[in-house]
């Protein structure tokens, strides 16, 4: 893991990450954009409140994405079961098979 400095609300925060520096910068920029979106609407808000609201927004977005991905995972599992059944049927003796 490498050490990186990430700036949030003007404060440098040392972090350790196995990610490439470009990825860490991308994350830093994303966090900055989320925090600034809140800060621009709540100009007199305490920085801790701004960060907390940004975190809550990110948590909501994450959970929305996670719930949309679950049907895909269920479909993947079902497709895997169907493929296994097809393979069993095709492997049964007496069925036409190419050699």
PDB file of N, CA and C in Angstrom:
ATOM      1  N   UNK A   1       0.842  -1.179   0.000  1.00  0.00           N
ATOM      2  CA  UNK A   1       0.000   0.000   0.000  1.00  0.00           C
ATOM      3  C   UNK A   1       0.886   1.240   0.000  1.00  0.00           C
ATOM      4  N   UNK A   2       0.422   2.227  -0.747  1.00  0.00           N
ATOM      5  CA  UNK A   2       1.167   3.475  -0.846  1.00  0.00           C
ATOM      6  C   UNK A   2       0.447   4.574  -0.071  1.00  0.00           C
ATOM      7  N   UNK A   3       1.227   5.532   0.412  1.00  0.00           N
ATOM      8  CA  UNK A   3       0.670   6.684   1.110  1.00  0.00           C
ATOM      9  C   UNK A   3       0.291   7.753   0.091  1.00  0.00           C
ATOM     10  N   UNK A   4      -0.851   8.372   0.322  1.00  0.00           N
ATOM     11  CA  UNK A   4      -1.340   9.446  -0.538  1.00  0.00           C
ATOM     12  C   UNK A   4      -1.869  10.559   0.360  1.00  0.00           C
ATOM     13  N   UNK A   5      -1.890  11.775  -0.168  1.00  0.00           N
ATOM     14  CA  UNK A   5      -2.539  12.889   0.513  1.00  0.00           C
ATOM     15  C   UNK A   5      -3.797  13.252  -0.265  1.00  0.00           C
ATOM     16  N   UNK A   6      -4.919  13.260   0.429  1.00  0.00           N
ATOM     17  CA  UNK A   6      -6.206  13.604  -0.170  1.00  0.00           C
ATOM     18  C   UNK A   6      -6.699  14.867   0.528  1.00  0.00           C
ATOM     19  N   UNK A   7      -7.161  15.833  -0.245  1.00  0.00           N
ATOM     20  CA  UNK A   7      -7.656  17.085   0.328  1.00  0.00           C
ATOM     21  C   UNK A   7      -9.179  17.097   0.291  1.00  0.00           C
ATOM     22  N   UNK A   8      -9.772  17.313   1.472  1.00  0.00           N
ATOM     23  CA  UNK A   8     -11.225  17.430   1.601  1.00  0.00           C
ATOM     24  C   UNK A   8     -11.502  18.695   2.402  1.00  0.00           C
ATOM     25  N   UNK A   9     -12.266  19.603   1.818  1.00  0.00           N
ATOM     26  CA  UNK A   9     -12.596  20.886   2.449  1.00  0.00           C
ATOM     27  C   UNK A   9     -11.342  21.633   2.904  1.00  0.00           C
ATOM     28  N   UNK A  10     -10.319  21.587   2.078  1.00  0.00           N
ATOM     29  CA  UNK A  10      -9.086  22.307   2.368  1.00  0.00           C
ATOM     30  C   UNK A  10      -8.164  21.630   3.358  1.00  0.00           C
ATOM     31  N   UNK A  11      -8.544  20.477   3.834  1.00  0.00           N
ATOM     32  CA  UNK A  11      -7.723  19.761   4.815  1.00  0.00           C
ATOM     33  C   UNK A  11      -7.067  18.566   4.149  1.00  0.00           C
ATOM     34  N   UNK A  12      -5.736  18.471   4.284  1.00  0.00           N
ATOM     35  CA  UNK A  12      -5.017  17.331   3.718  1.00  0.00           C
ATOM     36  C   UNK A  12      -5.123  16.143   4.673  1.00  0.00           C
ATOM     37  N   UNK A  13      -5.514  15.027   4.104  1.00  0.00           N
ATOM     38  CA  UNK A  13      -5.707  13.815   4.899  1.00  0.00           C
ATOM     39  C   UNK A  13      -4.793  12.735   4.331  1.00  0.00           C
ATOM     40  N   UNK A  14      -3.879  12.198   5.151  1.00  0.00           N
ATOM     41  CA  UNK A  14      -3.030  11.111   4.657  1.00  0.00           C
ATOM     42  C   UNK A  14      -3.829   9.808   4.625  1.00  0.00           C
ATOM     43  N   UNK A  15      -3.770   9.115   3.501  1.00  0.00           N
ATOM     44  CA  UNK A  15      -4.447   7.824   3.364  1.00  0.00           C
ATOM     45  C   UNK A  15      -3.479   6.814   2.773  1.00  0.00           C
ATOM     46  N   UNK A  16      -3.727   5.555   3.045  1.00  0.00           N
ATOM     47  CA  UNK A  16      -2.946   4.473   2.456  1.00  0.00           C
ATOM     48  C   UNK A  16      -3.881   3.687   1.555  1.00  0.00           C
ATOM     49  N   UNK A  17      -3.398   3.393   0.343  1.00  0.00           N
ATOM     50  CA  UNK A  17      -4.239   2.685  -0.616  1.00  0.00           C
ATOM     51  C   UNK A  17      -3.373   1.882  -1.571  1.00  0.00           C
ATOM     52  N   UNK A  18      -3.889   0.742  -1.988  1.00  0.00           N
ATOM     53  CA  UNK A  18      -3.220  -0.072  -3.006  1.00  0.00           C
ATOM     54  C   UNK A  18      -3.567   0.429  -4.404  1.00  0.00           C
ATOM     55  N   UNK A  19      -4.498   1.358  -4.499  1.00  0.00           N
ATOM     56  CA  UNK A  19      -4.928   1.883  -5.799  1.00  0.00           C
ATOM     57  C   UNK A  19      -3.823   2.725  -6.430  1.00  0.00           C
ATOM     58  N   UNK A  20      -3.879   2.809  -7.749  1.00  0.00           N
ATOM     59  CA  UNK A  20      -2.946   3.658  -8.488  1.00  0.00           C
ATOM     60  C   UNK A  20      -3.207   5.126  -8.127  1.00  0.00           C
ATOM     61  N   UNK A  21      -2.178   5.980  -8.201  1.00  0.00           N
ATOM     62  CA  UNK A  21      -2.364   7.401  -7.878  1.00  0.00           C
ATOM     63  C   UNK A  21      -3.484   8.062  -8.685  1.00  0.00           C
ATOM     64  N   UNK A  22      -3.645   7.667  -9.948  1.00  0.00           N
ATOM     65  CA  UNK A  22      -4.703   8.240 -10.777  1.00  0.00           C
ATOM     66  C   UNK A  22      -6.082   7.916 -10.206  1.00  0.00           C
ATOM     67  N   UNK A  23      -6.235   6.700  -9.688  1.00  0.00           N
ATOM     68  CA  UNK A  23      -7.512   6.281  -9.100  1.00  0.00           C
ATOM     69  C   UNK A  23      -7.781   7.069  -7.820  1.00  0.00           C
ATOM     70  N   UNK A  24      -6.742   7.267  -7.014  1.00  0.00           N
ATOM     71  CA  UNK A  24      -6.892   8.046  -5.780  1.00  0.00           C
ATOM     72  C   UNK A  24      -7.300   9.479  -6.127  1.00  0.00           C
ATOM     73  N   UNK A  25      -6.695  10.056  -7.162  1.00  0.00           N
ATOM     74  CA  UNK A  25      -7.062  11.408  -7.599  1.00  0.00           C
ATOM     75  C   UNK A  25      -8.505  11.452  -8.090  1.00  0.00           C
ATOM     76  N   UNK A  26      -8.914  10.416  -8.793  1.00  0.00           N
ATOM     77  CA  UNK A  26     -10.294  10.340  -9.284  1.00  0.00           C
ATOM     78  C   UNK A  26     -11.273  10.302  -8.108  1.00  0.00           C
ATOM     79  N   UNK A  27     -10.942   9.531  -7.091  1.00  0.00           N
ATOM     80  CA  UNK A  27     -11.788   9.444  -5.894  1.00  0.00           C
ATOM     81  C   UNK A  27     -11.823  10.786  -5.180  1.00  0.00           C
ATOM     82  N   UNK A  28     -10.653  11.408  -5.046  1.00  0.00           N
ATOM     83  CA  UNK A  28     -10.574  12.718  -4.397  1.00  0.00           C
ATOM     84  C   UNK A  28     -11.449  13.741  -5.129  1.00  0.00           C
ATOM     85  N   UNK A  29     -11.387  13.754  -6.444  1.00  0.00           N
ATOM     86  CA  UNK A  29     -12.193  14.679  -7.239  1.00  0.00           C
ATOM     87  C   UNK A  29     -13.685  14.394  -7.065  1.00  0.00           C
ATOM     88  N   UNK A  30     -14.052  13.122  -7.065  1.00  0.00           N
ATOM     89  CA  UNK A  30     -15.457  12.744  -6.884  1.00  0.00           C
ATOM     90  C   UNK A  30     -15.971  13.217  -5.524  1.00  0.00           C
ATOM     91  N   UNK A  31     -15.193  12.967  -4.473  1.00  0.00           N
ATOM     92  CA  UNK A  31     -15.587  13.400  -3.124  1.00  0.00           C
ATOM     93  C   UNK A  31     -15.702  14.922  -3.090  1.00  0.00           C
ATOM     94  N   UNK A  32     -14.727  15.602  -3.685  1.00  0.00           N
ATOM     95  CA  UNK A  32     -14.753  17.070  -3.727  1.00  0.00           C
ATOM     96  C   UNK A  32     -16.037  17.570  -4.398  1.00  0.00           C
ATOM     97  N   UNK A  33     -16.400  16.978  -5.520  1.00  0.00           N
ATOM     98  CA  UNK A  33     -17.616  17.387  -6.232  1.00  0.00           C
ATOM     99  C   UNK A  33     -18.862  17.169  -5.382  1.00  0.00           C
ATOM    100  N   UNK A  34     -18.913  16.039  -4.684  1.00  0.00           N
ATOM    101  CA  UNK A  34     -20.075  15.745  -3.843  1.00  0.00           C
ATOM    102  C   UNK A  34     -20.175  16.732  -2.687  1.00  0.00           C
ATOM    103  N   UNK A  35     -19.044  17.015  -2.053  1.00  0.00           N
ATOM    104  CA  UNK A  35     -19.025  17.945  -0.922  1.00  0.00           C
ATOM    105  C   UNK A  35     -19.368  19.359  -1.396  1.00  0.00           C
ATOM    106  N   UNK A  36     -18.800  19.780  -2.507  1.00  0.00           N
ATOM    107  CA  UNK A  36     -19.059  21.132  -3.017  1.00  0.00           C
ATOM    108  C   UNK A  36     -20.516  21.309  -3.440  1.00  0.00           C
ATOM    109  N   UNK A  37     -21.153  20.257  -3.934  1.00  0.00           N
ATOM    110  CA  UNK A  37     -22.568  20.343  -4.301  1.00  0.00           C
ATOM    111  C   UNK A  37     -23.416  20.683  -3.077  1.00  0.00           C
ATOM    112  N   UNK A  38     -23.075  20.116  -1.933  1.00  0.00           N
ATOM    113  CA  UNK A  38     -23.792  20.409  -0.684  1.00  0.00           C
ATOM    114  C   UNK A  38     -23.395  21.793  -0.175  1.00  0.00           C
ATOM    115  N   UNK A  39     -22.101  22.057  -0.160  1.00  0.00           N
ATOM    116  CA  UNK A  39     -21.579  23.317   0.388  1.00  0.00           C
ATOM    117  C   UNK A  39     -22.111  24.534  -0.374  1.00  0.00           C
ATOM    118  N   UNK A  40     -22.315  24.393  -1.673  1.00  0.00           N
ATOM    119  CA  UNK A  40     -22.817  25.526  -2.459  1.00  0.00           C
ATOM    120  C   UNK A  40     -24.262  25.867  -2.102  1.00  0.00           C
ATOM    121  N   UNK A  41     -24.997  24.898  -1.586  1.00  0.00           N
ATOM    122  CA  UNK A  41     -26.392  25.140  -1.185  1.00  0.00           C
ATOM    123  C   UNK A  41     -26.506  25.562   0.274  1.00  0.00           C
ATOM    124  N   UNK A  42     -25.547  25.120   1.084  1.00  0.00           N
ATOM    125  CA  UNK A  42     -25.567  25.438   2.519  1.00  0.00           C
ATOM    126  C   UNK A  42     -24.311  26.231   2.861  1.00  0.00           C
ATOM    127  N   UNK A  43     -24.276  27.464   2.430  1.00  0.00           N
ATOM    128  CA  UNK A  43     -23.046  28.258   2.522  1.00  0.00           C
ATOM    129  C   UNK A  43     -22.594  28.542   3.947  1.00  0.00           C
ATOM    130  N   UNK A  44     -23.503  28.528   4.910  1.00  0.00           N
ATOM    131  CA  UNK A  44     -23.111  28.818   6.294  1.00  0.00           C
ATOM    132  C   UNK A  44     -23.053  27.560   7.155  1.00  0.00           C
ATOM    133  N   UNK A  45     -23.192  26.401   6.557  1.00  0.00           N
ATOM    134  CA  UNK A  45     -23.230  25.148   7.322  1.00  0.00           C
ATOM    135  C   UNK A  45     -21.847  24.776   7.844  1.00  0.00           C
ATOM    136  N   UNK A  46     -21.857  24.114   8.962  1.00  0.00           N
ATOM    137  CA  UNK A  46     -20.636  23.576   9.557  1.00  0.00           C
ATOM    138  C   UNK A  46     -20.041  22.530   8.610  1.00  0.00           C
ATOM    139  N   UNK A  47     -18.714  22.519   8.435  1.00  0.00           N
ATOM    140  CA  UNK A  47     -18.090  21.542   7.526  1.00  0.00           C
ATOM    141  C   UNK A  47     -18.445  20.090   7.854  1.00  0.00           C
ATOM    142  N   UNK A  48     -18.582  19.780   9.139  1.00  0.00           N
ATOM    143  CA  UNK A  48     -18.935  18.409   9.516  1.00  0.00           C
ATOM    144  C   UNK A  48     -20.329  18.050   8.994  1.00  0.00           C
ATOM    145  N   UNK A  49     -21.252  18.997   9.034  1.00  0.00           N
ATOM    146  CA  UNK A  49     -22.595  18.762   8.503  1.00  0.00           C
ATOM    147  C   UNK A  49     -22.542  18.562   6.993  1.00  0.00           C
ATOM    148  N   UNK A  50     -21.738  19.365   6.311  1.00  0.00           N
ATOM    149  CA  UNK A  50     -21.604  19.249   4.857  1.00  0.00           C
ATOM    150  C   UNK A  50     -21.089  17.865   4.483  1.00  0.00           C
ATOM    151  N   UNK A  51     -20.045  17.418   5.162  1.00  0.00           N
ATOM    152  CA  UNK A  51     -19.474  16.098   4.870  1.00  0.00           C
ATOM    153  C   UNK A  51     -20.472  14.996   5.210  1.00  0.00           C
ATOM    154  N   UNK A  52     -21.193  15.148   6.315  1.00  0.00           N
ATOM    155  CA  UNK A  52     -22.184  14.145   6.707  1.00  0.00           C
ATOM    156  C   UNK A  52     -23.300  14.041   5.670  1.00  0.00           C
ATOM    157  N   UNK A  53     -23.786  15.172   5.187  1.00  0.00           N
ATOM    158  CA  UNK A  53     -24.838  15.150   4.167  1.00  0.00           C
ATOM    159  C   UNK A  53     -24.332  14.546   2.860  1.00  0.00           C
ATOM    160  N   UNK A  54     -23.103  14.861   2.489  1.00  0.00           N
ATOM    161  CA  UNK A  54     -22.521  14.263   1.282  1.00  0.00           C
ATOM    162  C   UNK A  54     -22.404  12.752   1.451  1.00  0.00           C
ATOM    163  N   UNK A  55     -21.992  12.316   2.630  1.00  0.00           N
ATOM    164  CA  UNK A  55     -21.881  10.884   2.908  1.00  0.00           C
ATOM    165  C   UNK A  55     -23.244  10.205   2.829  1.00  0.00           C
ATOM    166  N   UNK A  56     -24.262  10.841   3.363  1.00  0.00           N
ATOM    167  CA  UNK A  56     -25.613  10.273   3.295  1.00  0.00           C
ATOM    168  C   UNK A  56     -26.098  10.184   1.850  1.00  0.00           C
ATOM    169  N   UNK A  57     -25.814  11.209   1.047  1.00  0.00           N
ATOM    170  CA  UNK A  57     -26.185  11.162  -0.375  1.00  0.00           C
ATOM    171  C   UNK A  57     -25.477  10.019  -1.090  1.00  0.00           C
ATOM    172  N   UNK A  58     -24.196   9.846  -0.805  1.00  0.00           N
ATOM    173  CA  UNK A  58     -23.434   8.758  -1.425  1.00  0.00           C
ATOM    174  C   UNK A  58     -23.957   7.396  -0.979  1.00  0.00           C
ATOM    175  N   UNK A  59     -24.316   7.279   0.298  1.00  0.00           N
ATOM    176  CA  UNK A  59     -24.860   6.014   0.800  1.00  0.00           C
ATOM    177  C   UNK A  59     -26.175   5.682   0.101  1.00  0.00           C
ATOM    178  N   UNK A  60     -27.013   6.689  -0.097  1.00  0.00           N
ATOM    179  CA  UNK A  60     -28.281   6.467  -0.798  1.00  0.00           C
ATOM    180  C   UNK A  60     -28.032   6.004  -2.234  1.00  0.00           C
ATOM    181  N   UNK A  61     -27.124   6.673  -2.928  1.00  0.00           N
ATOM    182  CA  UNK A  61     -26.810   6.301  -4.313  1.00  0.00           C
ATOM    183  C   UNK A  61     -26.238   4.888  -4.376  1.00  0.00           C
ATOM    184  N   UNK A  62     -25.377   4.550  -3.431  1.00  0.00           N
ATOM    185  CA  UNK A  62     -24.788   3.208  -3.388  1.00  0.00           C
ATOM    186  C   UNK A  62     -25.868   2.147  -3.185  1.00  0.00           C
ATOM    187  N   UNK A  63     -26.750   2.370  -2.236  1.00  0.00           N
ATOM    188  CA  UNK A  63     -27.801   1.387  -1.958  1.00  0.00           C
ATOM    189  C   UNK A  63     -28.766   1.255  -3.132  1.00  0.00           C
ATOM    190  N   UNK A  64     -29.052   2.359  -3.821  1.00  0.00           N
ATOM    191  CA  UNK A  64     -29.893   2.290  -5.023  1.00  0.00           C
ATOM    192  C   UNK A  64     -29.231   1.425  -6.092  1.00  0.00           C
ATOM    193  N   UNK A  65     -27.945   1.646  -6.322  1.00  0.00           N
ATOM    194  CA  UNK A  65     -27.212   0.836  -7.308  1.00  0.00           C
ATOM    195  C   UNK A  65     -27.171  -0.632  -6.904  1.00  0.00           C
ATOM    196  N   UNK A  66     -26.945  -0.870  -5.628  1.00  0.00           N
ATOM    197  CA  UNK A  66     -26.874  -2.242  -5.127  1.00  0.00           C
ATOM    198  C   UNK A  66     -28.202  -2.964  -5.340  1.00  0.00           C
ATOM    199  N   UNK A  67     -29.316  -2.288  -5.078  1.00  0.00           N
ATOM    200  CA  UNK A  67     -30.624  -2.938  -5.246  1.00  0.00           C
ATOM    201  C   UNK A  67     -30.925  -3.186  -6.719  1.00  0.00           C
ATOM    202  N   UNK A  68     -30.409  -2.332  -7.613  1.00  0.00           N
ATOM    203  CA  UNK A  68     -30.605  -2.565  -9.045  1.00  0.00           C
ATOM    204  C   UNK A  68     -29.739  -3.706  -9.551  1.00  0.00           C
ATOM    205  N   UNK A  69     -28.632  -3.981  -8.894  1.00  0.00           N
ATOM    206  CA  UNK A  69     -27.732  -5.055  -9.332  1.00  0.00           C
ATOM    207  C   UNK A  69     -28.197  -6.424  -8.850  1.00  0.00           C
ATOM    208  N   UNK A  70     -28.971  -6.486  -7.776  1.00  0.00           N
ATOM    209  CA  UNK A  70     -29.406  -7.771  -7.239  1.00  0.00           C
ATOM    210  C   UNK A  70     -30.198  -8.596  -8.241  1.00  0.00           C
ATOM    211  N   UNK A  71     -31.149  -8.028  -8.980  1.00  0.00           N
ATOM    212  CA  UNK A  71     -31.845  -8.849  -9.982  1.00  0.00           C
ATOM    213  C   UNK A  71     -30.876  -9.428 -11.012  1.00  0.00           C
ATOM    214  N   UNK A  72     -29.858  -8.673 -11.390  1.00  0.00           N
ATOM    215  CA  UNK A  72     -28.862  -9.186 -12.333  1.00  0.00           C
ATOM    216  C   UNK A  72     -28.142 -10.396 -11.749  1.00  0.00           C
ATOM    217  N   UNK A  73     -27.798 -10.321 -10.470  1.00  0.00           N
ATOM    218  CA  UNK A  73     -27.121 -11.442  -9.827  1.00  0.00           C
ATOM    219  C   UNK A  73     -28.040 -12.655  -9.757  1.00  0.00           C
ATOM    220  N   UNK A  74     -29.316 -12.426  -9.483  1.00  0.00           N
ATOM    221  CA  UNK A  74     -30.277 -13.527  -9.442  1.00  0.00           C
ATOM    222  C   UNK A  74     -30.436 -14.142 -10.822  1.00  0.00           C
ATOM    223  N   UNK A  75     -30.489 -13.297 -11.853  1.00  0.00           N
ATOM    224  CA  UNK A  75     -30.588 -13.804 -13.225  1.00  0.00           C
ATOM    225  C   UNK A  75     -29.344 -14.599 -13.604  1.00  0.00           C
ATOM    226  N   UNK A  76     -28.174 -14.121 -13.199  1.00  0.00           N
ATOM    227  CA  UNK A  76     -26.933 -14.842 -13.481  1.00  0.00           C
ATOM    228  C   UNK A  76     -26.955 -16.231 -12.841  1.00  0.00           C
ATOM    229  N   UNK A  77     -27.434 -16.302 -11.603  1.00  0.00           N
ATOM    230  CA  UNK A  77     -27.507 -17.592 -10.922  1.00  0.00           C
ATOM    231  C   UNK A  77     -28.489 -18.516 -11.635  1.00  0.00           C
ATOM    232  N   UNK A  78     -29.625 -17.992 -12.027  1.00  0.00           N
ATOM    233  CA  UNK A  78     -30.630 -18.795 -12.739  1.00  0.00           C
ATOM    234  C   UNK A  78     -30.094 -19.273 -14.083  1.00  0.00           C
ATOM    235  N   UNK A  79     -29.410 -18.398 -14.821  1.00  0.00           N
ATOM    236  CA  UNK A  79     -28.811 -18.805 -16.097  1.00  0.00           C
ATOM    237  C   UNK A  79     -27.774 -19.902 -15.892  1.00  0.00           C
ATOM    238  N   UNK A  80     -26.995 -19.791 -14.837  1.00  0.00           N
ATOM    239  CA  UNK A  80     -26.008 -20.829 -14.532  1.00  0.00           C
ATOM    240  C   UNK A  80     -26.671 -22.174 -14.289  1.00  0.00           C
ATOM    241  N   UNK A  81     -27.798 -22.169 -13.575  1.00  0.00           N
ATOM    242  CA  UNK A  81     -28.539 -23.407 -13.329  1.00  0.00           C
ATOM    243  C   UNK A  81     -29.072 -23.990 -14.632  1.00  0.00           C
ATOM    244  N   UNK A  82     -29.615 -23.141 -15.489  1.00  0.00           N
ATOM    245  CA  UNK A  82     -30.152 -23.613 -16.768  1.00  0.00           C
ATOM    246  C   UNK A  82     -29.051 -24.184 -17.656  1.00  0.00           C
ATOM    247  N   UNK A  83     -27.909 -23.546 -17.684  1.00  0.00           N
ATOM    248  CA  UNK A  83     -26.782 -24.050 -18.477  1.00  0.00           C
ATOM    249  C   UNK A  83     -26.339 -25.409 -17.960  1.00  0.00           C
ATOM    250  N   UNK A  84     -26.276 -25.562 -16.650  1.00  0.00           N
ATOM    251  CA  UNK A  84     -25.898 -26.856 -16.068  1.00  0.00           C
ATOM    252  C   UNK A  84     -26.884 -27.946 -16.460  1.00  0.00           C
ATOM    253  N   UNK A  85     -28.171 -27.617 -16.419  1.00  0.00           N
ATOM    254  CA  UNK A  85     -29.180 -28.607 -16.807  1.00  0.00           C
ATOM    255  C   UNK A  85     -29.049 -28.979 -18.279  1.00  0.00           C
ATOM    256  N   UNK A  86     -28.827 -27.988 -19.134  1.00  0.00           N
ATOM    257  CA  UNK A  86     -28.637 -28.266 -20.562  1.00  0.00           C
ATOM    258  C   UNK A  86     -27.420 -29.160 -20.791  1.00  0.00           C
ATOM    259  N   UNK A  87     -26.348 -28.868 -20.089  1.00  0.00           N
ATOM    260  CA  UNK A  87     -25.136 -29.684 -20.238  1.00  0.00           C
ATOM    261  C   UNK A  87     -25.389 -31.124 -19.800  1.00  0.00           C
ATOM    262  N   UNK A  88     -26.170 -31.310 -18.730  1.00  0.00           N
ATOM    263  CA  UNK A  88     -26.489 -32.659 -18.265  1.00  0.00           C
ATOM    264  C   UNK A  88     -27.319 -33.403 -19.301  1.00  0.00           C
ATOM    265  N   UNK A  89     -28.311 -32.727 -19.864  1.00  0.00           N
ATOM    266  CA  UNK A  89     -29.171 -33.356 -20.866  1.00  0.00           C
ATOM    267  C   UNK A  89     -28.360 -33.715 -22.103  1.00  0.00           C
ATOM    268  N   UNK A  90     -27.521 -32.810 -22.547  1.00  0.00           N
ATOM    269  CA  UNK A  90     -26.718 -33.064 -23.743  1.00  0.00           C
ATOM    270  C   UNK A  90     -25.684 -34.167 -23.525  1.00  0.00           C
ATOM    271  N   UNK A  91     -25.272 -34.371 -22.295  1.00  0.00           N
ATOM    272  CA  UNK A  91     -24.283 -35.404 -22.000  1.00  0.00           C
ATOM    273  C   UNK A  91     -24.921 -36.773 -21.776  1.00  0.00           C
ATOM    274  N   UNK A  92     -26.257 -36.843 -21.733  1.00  0.00           N
ATOM    275  CA  UNK A  92     -26.948 -38.110 -21.484  1.00  0.00           C
ATOM    276  C   UNK A  92     -26.713 -39.077 -22.643  1.00  0.00           C
ATOM    277  N   UNK A  93     -26.569 -40.378 -22.335  1.00  0.00           N
ATOM    278  CA  UNK A  93     -26.347 -41.370 -23.391  1.00  0.00           C
ATOM    279  C   UNK A  93     -27.536 -41.426 -24.350  1.00  0.00           C
ATOM    280  N   UNK A  94     -27.226 -41.698 -25.609  1.00  0.00           N
ATOM    281  CA  UNK A  94     -28.262 -41.872 -26.608  1.00  0.00           C
ATOM    282  C   UNK A  94     -28.653 -40.600 -27.328  1.00  0.00           C
ATOM    283  N   UNK A  95     -28.171 -39.462 -26.876  1.00  0.00           N
ATOM    284  CA  UNK A  95     -28.467 -38.218 -27.577  1.00  0.00           C
ATOM    285  C   UNK A  95     -27.384 -37.960 -28.608  1.00  0.00           C
ATOM    286  N   UNK A  96     -27.782 -37.316 -29.669  1.00  0.00           N
ATOM    287  CA  UNK A  96     -26.846 -36.996 -30.741  1.00  0.00           C
ATOM    288  C   UNK A  96     -25.744 -36.089 -30.204  1.00  0.00           C
ATOM    289  N   UNK A  97     -24.499 -36.482 -30.491  1.00  0.00           N
ATOM    290  CA  UNK A  97     -23.349 -35.658 -30.132  1.00  0.00           C
ATOM    291  C   UNK A  97     -22.379 -35.658 -31.284  1.00  0.00           C
ATOM    292  N   UNK A  98     -21.822 -34.497 -31.573  1.00  0.00           N
ATOM    293  CA  UNK A  98     -20.794 -34.430 -32.609  1.00  0.00           C
ATOM    294  C   UNK A  98     -19.510 -35.008 -32.058  1.00  0.00           C
ATOM    295  N   UNK A  99     -18.770 -35.680 -32.924  1.00  0.00           N
ATOM    296  CA  UNK A  99     -17.491 -36.249 -32.483  1.00  0.00           C
ATOM    297  C   UNK A  99     -16.347 -35.589 -33.182  1.00  0.00           C
TER     298      UNK A  99
END
